[in-house]
Protein backbone atom coordinates (compact mmCIF):
# COMPACT_ATOMS: atom_id res chain seq x y z
CA MET A 1 2.54 -4.65 18.13
CA GLN A 2 0.12 -6.97 15.81
CA PHE A 3 -4.00 -6.49 16.08
CA ARG A 4 -5.27 -9.49 14.60
CA THR A 5 -8.51 -9.47 14.07
CA SER A 6 -10.98 -12.49 14.41
CA LYS A 7 -12.97 -15.25 12.06
CA LYS A 8 -16.49 -13.51 13.68
CA TRP A 9 -15.38 -10.39 11.91
CA GLU A 10 -14.20 -12.11 8.58
CA ARG A 11 -17.62 -13.78 8.40
CA VAL A 12 -19.57 -10.76 8.67
CA PHE A 13 -17.40 -7.90 6.85
CA PHE A 14 -16.56 -9.67 3.41
CA PRO A 15 -20.33 -10.74 3.14
CA ILE A 16 -21.32 -7.21 3.73
CA VAL A 17 -19.16 -6.45 0.84
CA PHE A 18 -19.88 -8.87 -1.26
CA LEU A 19 -23.56 -7.41 -0.94
CA TYR A 20 -22.44 -4.07 -1.63
CA PHE A 21 -20.78 -4.56 -4.64
CA PHE A 22 -23.45 -6.77 -6.12
CA ILE A 23 -26.56 -3.94 -5.41
CA PHE A 24 -23.37 -1.51 -6.86
CA ARG A 25 -22.99 -3.17 -10.40
CA PHE A 26 -26.73 -3.55 -10.54
CA LEU A 27 -26.46 0.43 -10.99
CA VAL A 28 -23.89 0.94 -13.37
CA ILE A 29 -24.65 2.08 -16.08
CA PRO A 30 -22.94 0.97 -19.72
CA SER A 31 -21.30 3.22 -21.77
CA GLY A 32 -18.71 2.76 -24.74
CA ASP A 33 -17.16 -0.55 -25.12
CA ASP A 34 -20.40 -2.51 -23.61
CA TYR A 35 -22.33 -1.15 -26.69
CA PHE A 36 -19.49 -2.26 -28.92
CA TRP A 37 -18.49 -5.40 -27.57
CA GLY A 38 -22.19 -6.31 -27.01
CA GLY A 39 -23.33 -5.77 -30.48
CA SER A 40 -22.10 -6.44 -33.12
CA GLN A 41 -18.94 -5.90 -33.58
CA GLY A 42 -17.98 -7.93 -30.54
CA GLU A 43 -20.03 -10.66 -32.17
CA TYR A 44 -17.73 -10.53 -35.52
CA LEU A 45 -14.63 -10.50 -33.25
CA MET A 46 -15.85 -13.10 -31.13
CA ASN A 47 -16.91 -15.06 -34.10
CA HIS A 48 -13.22 -14.17 -36.34
CA GLY A 49 -10.90 -15.39 -33.06
CA PHE A 50 -11.28 -11.28 -31.91
CA TYR A 51 -9.34 -10.48 -35.27
CA GLY A 52 -10.40 -7.99 -37.92
CA PRO A 53 -9.25 -5.27 -39.86
CA GLN A 54 -7.26 -2.67 -37.92
CA LYS A 55 -8.93 0.24 -39.78
CA ILE A 56 -12.82 -0.76 -38.36
CA TYR A 57 -11.53 -2.80 -35.21
CA GLY A 58 -8.15 -1.00 -34.14
CA GLY A 59 -7.58 -1.93 -30.29
CA SER A 60 -10.24 -4.55 -29.83
CA SER A 61 -8.45 -6.56 -32.32
CA ASN A 62 -6.54 -7.96 -29.82
CA GLY A 63 -5.33 -11.68 -28.12
CA ARG A 64 -6.71 -10.66 -24.54
CA TRP A 65 -9.39 -14.42 -25.09
CA ILE A 66 -10.77 -14.05 -21.48
CA GLY A 67 -11.17 -10.38 -20.82
CA ASN A 68 -13.31 -10.11 -24.56
CA LEU A 69 -15.36 -13.15 -24.14
CA SER A 70 -16.34 -11.78 -20.04
CA GLU A 71 -16.85 -8.09 -21.35
CA ILE A 72 -19.80 -9.98 -24.50
CA PHE A 73 -21.45 -12.29 -21.29
CA THR A 74 -21.72 -9.91 -18.72
CA VAL A 75 -22.96 -7.09 -21.08
CA HIS A 76 -25.73 -9.81 -21.78
CA HIS A 77 -26.34 -11.01 -18.56
CA LEU A 78 -26.59 -8.93 -16.12
CA ILE A 79 -27.00 -11.17 -12.99
CA PHE A 80 -23.64 -12.84 -13.59
CA ALA A 81 -22.54 -9.23 -14.16
CA MET A 82 -23.54 -8.44 -10.54
CA LEU A 83 -22.04 -11.76 -9.58
CA ALA A 84 -18.42 -11.64 -11.03
CA TYR A 85 -18.36 -7.86 -10.24
CA ALA A 86 -19.16 -9.00 -6.49
CA ILE A 87 -16.77 -11.74 -6.57
CA PHE A 88 -13.53 -10.28 -8.16
CA TRP A 89 -14.11 -6.84 -5.87
CA THR A 90 -14.79 -9.07 -2.93
CA LEU A 91 -11.87 -11.16 -3.51
CA LEU A 92 -9.34 -7.43 -4.01
CA ILE A 93 -10.43 -6.09 -1.40
CA TRP A 94 -10.23 -9.23 0.84
CA CYS A 95 -6.42 -10.55 -0.43
CA ILE A 96 -5.25 -6.46 0.17
CA TRP A 97 -6.23 -7.24 3.76
CA LYS A 98 -4.69 -10.81 3.90
CA LEU A 99 -1.44 -9.17 2.42
CA THR A 100 -1.24 -6.45 4.99
CA GLY A 101 -1.55 -7.76 8.31
CA ARG A 102 -5.38 -9.59 8.46
CA SER A 103 -6.08 -7.32 11.19
CA LYS A 104 -9.03 -5.44 12.55
CA LEU A 105 -7.52 -1.67 11.02
CA SER A 106 -6.30 -3.27 7.64
CA MET A 107 -9.80 -4.57 6.94
CA ILE A 108 -11.41 -1.25 7.56
CA LEU A 109 -8.53 0.22 5.22
CA SER A 110 -8.74 -2.67 2.92
CA GLY A 111 -12.73 -1.67 3.02
CA LEU A 112 -11.96 2.60 1.91
CA PHE A 113 -10.17 1.42 -1.18
CA VAL A 114 -12.26 1.86 -3.49
CA PHE A 115 -13.20 5.31 -2.10
CA THR A 116 -9.72 6.41 -2.24
CA PHE A 117 -10.10 5.93 -5.67
CA GLN A 118 -9.20 9.79 -7.82
CA ASP A 119 -12.12 10.19 -10.27
CA GLY A 120 -10.52 8.74 -13.51
CA TYR A 121 -10.23 5.73 -11.91
CA ILE A 122 -13.97 5.85 -10.78
CA SER A 123 -14.99 6.68 -13.83
CA THR A 124 -13.09 4.06 -16.15
CA VAL A 125 -12.75 1.03 -13.63
CA LEU A 126 -14.87 1.33 -10.65
CA GLY A 127 -18.29 2.83 -12.69
CA TRP A 128 -17.95 0.92 -16.73
CA ASN A 129 -18.18 -2.68 -16.88
CA ALA A 130 -15.03 -3.18 -19.66
CA GLY A 131 -12.75 -1.33 -17.27
CA PHE A 132 -13.62 -3.35 -14.48
CA ILE A 133 -13.77 -6.79 -16.58
CA ASN A 134 -9.71 -6.16 -17.96
CA TYR A 135 -8.29 -5.24 -14.78
CA ILE A 136 -10.16 -6.50 -11.78
CA PRO A 137 -9.74 -10.02 -12.13
CA PRO A 138 -6.41 -10.40 -13.63
CA LEU A 139 -5.42 -8.18 -10.55
CA ALA A 140 -7.38 -10.40 -7.69
CA LEU A 141 -5.92 -13.15 -8.86
CA ILE A 142 -2.03 -11.86 -8.96
CA LEU A 143 -3.20 -10.94 -5.05
CA LEU A 144 -4.22 -14.02 -4.61
CA PHE A 145 -1.08 -15.96 -5.52
CA LEU A 146 0.66 -12.86 -3.47
CA THR A 147 -1.32 -14.65 -0.30
CA PHE A 148 -0.21 -18.12 -0.92
CA ILE A 149 3.23 -16.68 -1.13
CA LYS A 150 2.65 -15.16 2.04
CA ASP A 151 1.68 -18.34 3.67
CA LEU A 152 4.69 -19.90 2.49
CA TYR A 153 7.07 -17.34 3.48
CA ASP A 154 5.61 -16.82 7.11
CA GLY A 155 5.60 -20.53 7.78
CA ASN A 156 2.25 -21.42 7.76
CA ARG A 157 1.13 -24.88 5.73
CA ILE A 158 0.64 -25.35 2.54
CA TYR A 159 -2.53 -27.83 2.23
CA HIS A 160 -2.77 -29.97 -1.11
CA PRO A 161 0.10 -29.06 -2.93
CA ILE A 162 -0.83 -30.78 -6.28
CA LEU A 163 -4.23 -28.79 -6.09
CA LEU A 164 -2.41 -25.96 -5.13
CA ALA A 165 -0.57 -26.62 -7.92
CA ILE A 166 -3.15 -26.83 -10.40
CA CYS A 167 -5.07 -23.89 -9.07
CA THR A 168 -2.21 -21.00 -9.51
CA PHE A 169 -1.56 -23.13 -12.61
CA LEU A 170 -5.61 -21.97 -13.17
CA MET A 171 -4.62 -18.56 -12.32
CA SER A 172 -1.76 -17.38 -14.01
CA LEU A 173 -3.59 -19.01 -17.32
CA VAL A 174 -7.00 -16.82 -17.23
CA GLY A 175 -5.04 -14.00 -15.17
CA GLY A 176 -2.75 -13.28 -18.58
CA LEU A 177 -5.45 -13.34 -21.16
CA PHE A 178 -7.20 -10.42 -19.81
CA VAL A 179 -4.93 -6.66 -20.43
CA GLU A 180 -1.03 -7.08 -21.65
CA HIS A 181 1.20 -5.84 -19.01
CA LEU A 182 0.23 -7.97 -16.78
CA THR A 183 0.07 -10.44 -18.68
CA LEU A 184 4.05 -9.94 -18.71
CA TYR A 185 4.09 -8.75 -15.38
CA GLN A 186 2.95 -12.32 -14.32
CA ILE A 187 6.12 -13.96 -15.98
CA PHE A 188 7.86 -11.96 -13.70
CA ILE A 189 6.04 -12.17 -10.33
CA GLY A 190 6.70 -15.80 -10.98
CA VAL A 191 10.36 -16.42 -11.83
CA ILE A 192 11.01 -13.37 -8.35
CA ALA A 193 8.51 -15.32 -6.49
CA ILE A 194 10.97 -18.56 -6.79
CA LEU A 195 14.00 -16.95 -6.88
CA CYS A 196 13.29 -15.12 -3.58
CA GLY A 197 11.70 -18.29 -2.12
CA ILE A 198 15.29 -20.42 -2.94
CA TYR A 199 18.36 -17.86 -1.93
CA ILE A 200 16.12 -15.56 0.17
CA TYR A 201 14.00 -17.45 2.89
CA HIS A 202 16.04 -20.36 2.06
CA GLU A 203 12.61 -22.67 0.84
CA LYS A 204 12.64 -25.71 -1.41
CA PHE A 205 11.35 -25.56 -4.57
CA GLN A 206 7.28 -25.01 -4.12
CA TRP A 207 5.19 -26.78 -7.47
CA PHE A 208 2.44 -24.30 -6.96
CA GLU A 209 5.13 -21.70 -7.74
CA GLY A 210 6.12 -23.56 -11.07
CA SER A 211 2.81 -24.06 -11.91
CA TYR A 212 2.08 -20.36 -11.81
CA LEU A 213 4.89 -19.70 -14.32
CA LEU A 214 4.41 -22.32 -16.51
CA GLY A 215 0.46 -20.70 -16.50
CA ALA A 216 2.12 -16.96 -16.92
CA ILE A 217 4.82 -18.20 -20.07
CA VAL A 218 1.65 -20.38 -21.70
CA SER A 219 -0.72 -17.26 -21.48
CA ALA A 220 1.79 -14.76 -22.60
CA ALA A 221 2.31 -17.34 -26.12
CA ILE A 222 -1.47 -17.15 -26.38
CA MET A 223 -2.14 -13.73 -26.17
CA PHE A 224 0.89 -12.40 -28.11
CA SER A 225 0.86 -15.18 -30.68
CA HIS A 226 -2.41 -12.65 -32.29
CA PRO A 227 -1.94 -11.68 -35.29
CA ALA A 228 -3.22 -8.36 -34.31
CA TYR A 229 0.34 -7.63 -32.38
CA HIS A 230 2.32 -8.17 -35.37
CA GLU A 231 1.03 -5.84 -37.56
CA LYS A 232 1.10 -2.00 -37.51
CA SER A 233 -2.22 -0.23 -35.82
CA THR A 234 -3.25 2.95 -35.89
CA TYR A 235 -4.25 2.35 -31.95
CA ARG A 236 -1.60 1.30 -30.42
CA ASP A 237 1.84 3.42 -30.59
CA THR A 238 4.55 3.64 -28.25
CA ASN A 239 7.34 6.86 -28.42
CA PHE A 240 10.84 6.21 -27.82
CA ASP A 241 11.34 10.17 -28.27
CA LEU A 242 12.90 11.68 -25.00
CA HIS A 243 11.13 14.70 -26.14
CA GLY A 244 7.95 12.63 -26.62
CA ILE A 245 8.46 10.88 -23.15
CA ILE A 246 9.21 13.97 -21.07
CA ASN A 247 6.25 15.75 -22.53
CA ASN A 248 3.85 13.07 -21.83
CA TYR A 249 4.99 12.70 -18.52
CA PHE A 250 4.98 16.43 -17.62
CA TYR A 251 1.63 17.63 -18.84
CA ILE A 252 -0.27 14.07 -19.19
CA THR A 253 0.42 11.25 -16.78
CA HIS A 254 2.45 12.00 -13.88
CA TYR A 255 -1.10 13.55 -12.48
CA TRP A 256 -2.32 10.35 -13.21
CA PHE A 257 0.19 8.03 -11.23
CA ASN A 258 0.85 10.23 -8.45
CA THR A 259 -0.59 13.79 -7.74
CA LEU A 260 -4.28 12.82 -8.17
CA ASN A 261 -3.41 10.15 -5.11
CA ILE A 262 -3.39 13.14 -2.64
CA VAL A 263 -5.30 10.51 0.15
CA VAL A 264 -2.86 7.78 0.21
CA ASN A 265 0.03 10.09 -0.29
CA ILE A 266 -1.27 12.55 3.33
CA ALA A 267 -1.64 8.95 4.93
CA LEU A 268 1.93 7.97 3.97
CA CYS A 269 3.15 11.06 4.83
CA LEU A 270 2.27 10.98 8.49
CA ALA A 271 2.59 7.64 8.73
CA ILE A 272 6.15 8.63 7.71
CA ILE A 273 6.71 10.50 10.47
CA VAL A 274 4.92 9.03 13.36
CA ILE A 275 7.36 6.07 12.28
CA ALA A 276 10.45 8.60 12.56
CA THR A 277 9.25 10.27 15.36
CA HIS A 278 9.52 7.24 17.44
CA GLN A 279 11.59 4.85 15.52
CA LEU A 280 15.09 6.63 14.14
CA ARG A 281 16.92 7.80 17.17
CA ASN A 282 19.11 10.02 14.77
CA ASN A 283 17.78 13.09 15.59
CA LYS A 284 19.28 15.20 12.13
CA LEU A 285 17.45 12.04 10.38
CA LYS A 286 15.09 11.90 12.22
CA TRP A 287 13.97 16.41 11.51
CA PHE A 288 14.70 15.79 7.78
CA ILE A 289 12.16 12.72 7.34
CA ASN A 290 9.45 14.67 9.25
CA ILE A 291 10.03 18.34 7.61
CA ILE A 292 10.01 16.47 4.09
CA SER A 293 6.71 14.65 5.12
CA VAL A 294 4.94 17.93 6.28
CA PHE A 295 6.27 19.58 3.17
CA PHE A 296 4.53 16.98 0.87
CA ILE A 297 1.58 17.24 2.75
CA ILE A 298 1.12 21.32 2.74
CA TYR A 299 2.18 20.52 -1.52
CA TYR A 300 -0.39 17.88 -2.36
CA VAL A 301 -3.05 19.77 0.12
CA THR A 302 -2.53 23.04 -2.11
CA ILE A 303 -1.51 21.10 -6.09
CA ASN A 304 -5.26 19.35 -5.77
CA ILE A 305 -6.62 22.97 -4.30
CA TRP A 306 -5.83 24.33 -7.23
CA LEU A 307 -6.34 21.31 -9.87
CA GLY A 308 -9.95 21.55 -8.46
CA GLN A 309 -9.73 25.17 -9.98
CA HIS A 310 -9.17 24.33 -13.62
CA ASN A 311 -11.73 21.43 -15.91
CA TYR A 312 -10.67 18.08 -17.25
CA ASP A 313 -12.45 16.45 -21.07
CA GLN A 314 -13.98 13.29 -21.08
CA PHE A 315 -10.57 11.72 -21.00
CA PHE A 316 -9.68 13.51 -17.77
CA MET A 317 -7.16 15.34 -18.91
CA TYR A 318 -6.98 18.73 -17.27
CA GLN A 319 -7.04 21.71 -19.94
CA ASN A 320 -5.49 25.28 -19.64
CA LEU A 321 -2.85 24.69 -17.24
CA SER A 322 -0.24 26.58 -16.15
CA ILE A 323 3.09 25.62 -18.15
CA ARG A 324 5.54 26.65 -15.44
CA ILE A 325 3.39 24.53 -12.29
CA THR A 326 2.98 21.68 -14.70
CA GLN A 327 6.62 21.29 -14.83
CA ILE A 328 6.92 22.27 -10.82
CA ASP A 329 5.00 18.99 -10.44
CA GLY A 330 6.35 16.69 -12.55
CA ILE A 331 9.50 17.42 -11.08
CA MET A 332 7.65 17.22 -7.54
CA THR A 333 7.12 13.69 -8.07
CA ILE A 334 10.07 12.56 -9.00
CA VAL A 335 11.60 14.51 -5.57
CA TYR A 336 8.61 12.70 -4.22
CA TRP A 337 9.15 9.17 -5.12
CA LEU A 338 12.99 9.62 -3.96
CA PHE A 339 11.59 10.46 -0.85
CA LEU A 340 10.11 7.32 -0.44
CA ILE A 341 12.01 5.09 -1.34
CA PHE A 342 14.55 6.32 1.29
CA ALA A 343 12.27 6.65 3.81
CA THR A 344 10.83 2.82 3.52
CA ILE A 345 14.74 2.34 3.42
CA CYS A 346 15.42 4.18 6.67
CA LEU A 347 12.03 2.50 8.29
CA PHE A 348 11.11 -0.61 7.23
CA ASN A 349 13.88 -3.87 7.00
CA ALA A 350 13.67 -5.34 3.53
CA LYS A 351 13.90 -9.01 4.44
CA SER A 352 10.71 -8.91 7.18
CA ASN A 353 8.64 -6.62 5.04
CA TYR A 354 9.37 -7.83 1.58
CA ILE A 355 5.41 -7.39 0.77
CA LEU A 356 5.96 -3.87 1.71
CA TYR A 357 8.94 -3.70 -0.69
CA PHE A 358 7.45 -5.55 -3.51
CA SER A 359 4.40 -3.34 -3.55
CA MET A 360 6.61 -0.17 -3.58
CA PHE A 361 8.38 -1.71 -6.54
CA THR A 362 5.27 -3.02 -7.94
CA TYR A 363 4.05 0.56 -7.56
CA PHE A 364 7.30 1.89 -9.78
CA ALA A 365 7.41 -0.65 -12.55
CA LEU A 366 3.43 -0.97 -13.77
CA ILE A 367 4.00 2.79 -14.81
CA SER A 368 7.03 2.55 -16.17
CA PRO A 369 5.23 0.90 -19.47
CA PHE A 370 3.24 3.62 -19.91
CA ILE A 371 5.92 6.12 -20.02
CA ILE A 372 6.30 5.44 -23.63
CA ILE A 373 3.31 4.41 -25.21
CA ILE A 374 1.29 7.34 -26.63
CA SER A 375 -2.06 6.16 -27.93
CA PRO A 376 -3.92 4.85 -26.32
CA ILE A 377 -3.02 6.76 -23.08
CA ASN A 378 -6.06 6.79 -20.14
CA SER A 379 -5.62 7.35 -16.16
CA ARG A 380 -6.88 3.45 -16.18
CA GLU A 381 -3.66 2.27 -17.22
CA PHE A 382 -2.03 3.41 -13.79
CA PHE A 383 -4.51 2.03 -12.07
CA THR A 384 -2.72 -1.48 -11.32
CA SER A 385 0.34 0.26 -10.16
CA TYR A 386 -2.21 2.02 -7.07
CA VAL A 387 -3.26 -1.45 -6.11
CA PHE A 388 -0.08 -1.78 -5.10
CA LEU A 389 0.43 2.03 -3.34
CA TYR A 390 -2.48 1.15 -1.83
CA ILE A 391 -1.14 -1.75 -0.06
CA ALA A 392 1.79 -0.17 0.57
CA THR A 393 -0.07 2.60 2.35
CA ILE A 394 -2.40 0.74 4.35
CA ILE A 395 1.76 -1.07 6.02
CA TYR A 396 2.82 2.28 6.20
CA VAL A 397 -0.42 2.78 9.05
CA GLN A 398 0.10 -0.33 10.79
CA LYS A 399 3.32 0.37 11.37
CA ALA A 400 2.46 3.75 12.49
CA ALA A 401 -0.37 2.50 14.31
CA SER A 402 1.90 0.43 16.48
CA PHE A 403 3.46 2.56 18.56
CA TYR A 404 -0.02 3.63 20.39
CA SER A 405 -1.35 1.98 22.34
CA ARG A 406 -5.18 -0.88 21.44
CA TYR A 407 -7.23 2.13 23.21
CA MET A 408 -5.89 4.66 20.85
CA VAL A 409 -5.71 1.93 17.61
CA LYS A 410 -8.82 1.36 19.14
CA ASN A 411 -9.97 4.75 18.35
CA LEU A 412 -8.76 5.44 15.31
CA ARG A 413 -10.20 2.15 13.46
CA THR A 414 -13.68 3.36 15.04
CA VAL A 415 -13.33 6.83 12.94
CA ALA A 416 -12.15 4.76 9.99
CA THR A 417 -15.32 2.13 10.40
CA ILE A 418 -17.25 5.79 10.81
CA VAL A 419 -16.07 7.06 7.18
CA LEU A 420 -16.45 3.52 5.67
CA LEU A 421 -19.83 3.75 6.19
CA LEU A 422 -19.84 7.63 5.08
CA CYS A 423 -18.18 6.62 2.27
CA SER A 424 -20.52 4.20 1.38
CA ILE A 425 -23.49 5.76 1.57
CA ASN A 426 -22.39 8.64 -0.39
CA VAL A 427 -21.51 6.63 -3.38
CA GLY A 428 -24.38 4.48 -2.89
CA TYR A 429 -26.44 7.10 -3.07
CA LYS A 430 -24.85 8.67 -5.75
CA MET A 431 -25.50 5.50 -8.14
CA VAL A 432 -29.21 5.09 -6.85
CA ALA A 433 -28.83 9.03 -8.29
CA ASN A 434 -27.64 8.89 -11.55
CA TYR A 435 -29.70 5.45 -12.15
CA GLN A 436 -33.08 7.01 -12.03
CA ALA A 437 -31.77 10.11 -13.87
CA ASN A 438 -30.83 8.08 -16.42
CA LEU A 439 -34.23 5.27 -16.88
CA ILE A 440 -35.80 9.18 -17.23
CA ARG A 441 -32.89 10.52 -20.27
CA VAL A 442 -32.67 6.84 -22.45
CA GLN A 443 -37.20 7.23 -23.10
CA ASP A 444 -36.29 10.77 -24.77
CA GLU A 445 -37.99 10.01 -28.46
CA ARG A 446 -35.59 11.67 -30.82
CA PHE A 447 -32.64 9.84 -28.63
CA LEU A 448 -34.13 6.10 -28.72
CA SER A 449 -34.92 6.78 -33.20
CA GLY A 450 -31.77 7.96 -33.83
CA LYS A 451 -31.88 11.60 -34.27
CA ALA A 452 -30.73 12.76 -30.88
CA SER A 453 -27.59 12.36 -28.37
CA LEU A 454 -29.29 11.97 -24.95
CA PRO A 455 -30.36 15.03 -23.72
CA ASN A 456 -28.79 15.60 -20.23
CA HIS A 457 -26.17 14.75 -18.37
CA VAL A 458 -26.67 12.24 -14.50
CA PRO A 459 -26.29 14.35 -12.04
CA TYR A 460 -23.32 12.85 -10.57
CA ARG A 461 -21.13 12.26 -13.85
CA LYS A 462 -17.72 10.45 -12.84
CA TYR A 463 -19.74 7.78 -11.59
CA VAL A 464 -19.74 7.02 -16.00
CA LEU A 465 -17.31 6.14 -18.10
CA SER A 466 -15.61 9.20 -20.19
CA ASN A 467 -17.76 11.20 -17.32
CA ASP A 468 -20.69 10.55 -19.03
CA ALA A 469 -20.06 11.79 -22.44
CA LEU A 470 -23.15 11.56 -24.31
CA LEU A 471 -22.11 10.48 -27.36
CA GLN A 472 -21.36 7.58 -26.06
CA GLN A 473 -24.40 5.89 -24.74
CA SER A 474 -26.33 3.48 -27.33
CA SER A 475 -29.91 4.44 -28.54
CA THR A 476 -30.47 0.63 -29.91
CA TYR A 477 -29.44 -1.19 -26.68
CA TRP A 478 -31.94 1.49 -24.80
CA LYS A 479 -34.55 1.18 -27.12
CA ASP A 480 -33.90 -2.94 -26.30
CA PHE A 481 -33.29 -2.22 -22.81
CA LEU A 482 -36.72 -0.82 -22.24
CA ASN A 483 -38.81 -3.26 -24.22
CA LYS A 484 -37.80 -5.76 -21.99
CA SER A 485 -39.48 -6.83 -18.62
CA TRP A 486 -37.58 -6.50 -15.03
CA LEU A 487 -36.62 -10.15 -15.74
CA GLU A 488 -35.56 -10.07 -18.70
CA ARG A 489 -33.10 -7.12 -18.01
CA LEU A 490 -31.59 -9.06 -15.29
CA TYR A 491 -31.02 -12.07 -17.10
């Protein structure tokens, strides 16, 4: 059963989303790298091809040409930062909606996306300009290309093939100059799109697919020809030692890419129960899947309550956790993954649900590079995989909803809409409270003179980079900011 939305709702919903994020960016408090790129260090790197001595510039000496330029520009021009923030968050949410069926329910669920984030994603992507710049534009462009592929496979007419080919070339060329793992993944997406189209969906070769792959290859060549990647770095480090990989997985990373995703984990398990109950005829298989799903719902609620009783540091790493429970949770992540793969194969046909299968695969694939990376290590690296997990979750929920009447789906949509409204108000209020508190604290004379750090934290710390670490703030920036008129601050 399909519940597609009308253009009327689309034309109302997404302008509201755009306006929300436009205002949201005004309230974002700069931190950390924002001051680095907006200051003399960023100016030096920009004038030297983003290449500088490793001992001084470390990972900031890189081939992220578009990302670095965008960060510098948006730090200095707030109005353009607000526009970019609104455009790419809206585009990302629009693409999620289109990839998941374009229904009213998927529209509301797509809108809820940013309100399902774990604290690390809130701090390092949603509430940080540099995090937004490096992750959201390239992800949005990848998803936009996937919407073109979906139109092709669904039999929709491809308009202006030459113009589309030019656009997709530029999309992958630009999108590949933000962050390294997405640069490489664009090439994989380009190859898979061509091969699947020809050999699985029996589509003729499309120029827009080839141009996307070409742009991805060119952007990778531009990025990785940068000299910073060809010399030893104290900032970037990988570990192929099995003991080190296992240690990182159990004690740090598995929490970020699985355990803390409590909203989607519970939604997935509930959807699996509904689908298995209505669809499977094999009672033993049905009961097996349902019992495992219920077990994981109880488990993830329990483990997140337990984690809530422990503090994390500014990098969102939990401190002094029980070794035994940490090891158990790491094992549970592996079991849960295997269960998701098994459930997806049992409940969905691969050919007709290619978006789901690709999303699940990408969720795992975008995690894998960071298993062997020991420096830098941060929760935001796993955000790209989370996007695809969320897409898969919406598809699961939509399939579960299809077994119920339109009346029941309408009630579910109403509840989701109320939740979306409450979440929007709640987060908006916290951003305003932080903004006002920050304007007061940065006027501290000792801070402005460089003699002391800020006197206090904002009330909602996770909405600022590094859990509002006080040393991440710049007295030089705020002294200059306070001396400007509101119009000068905006432009």
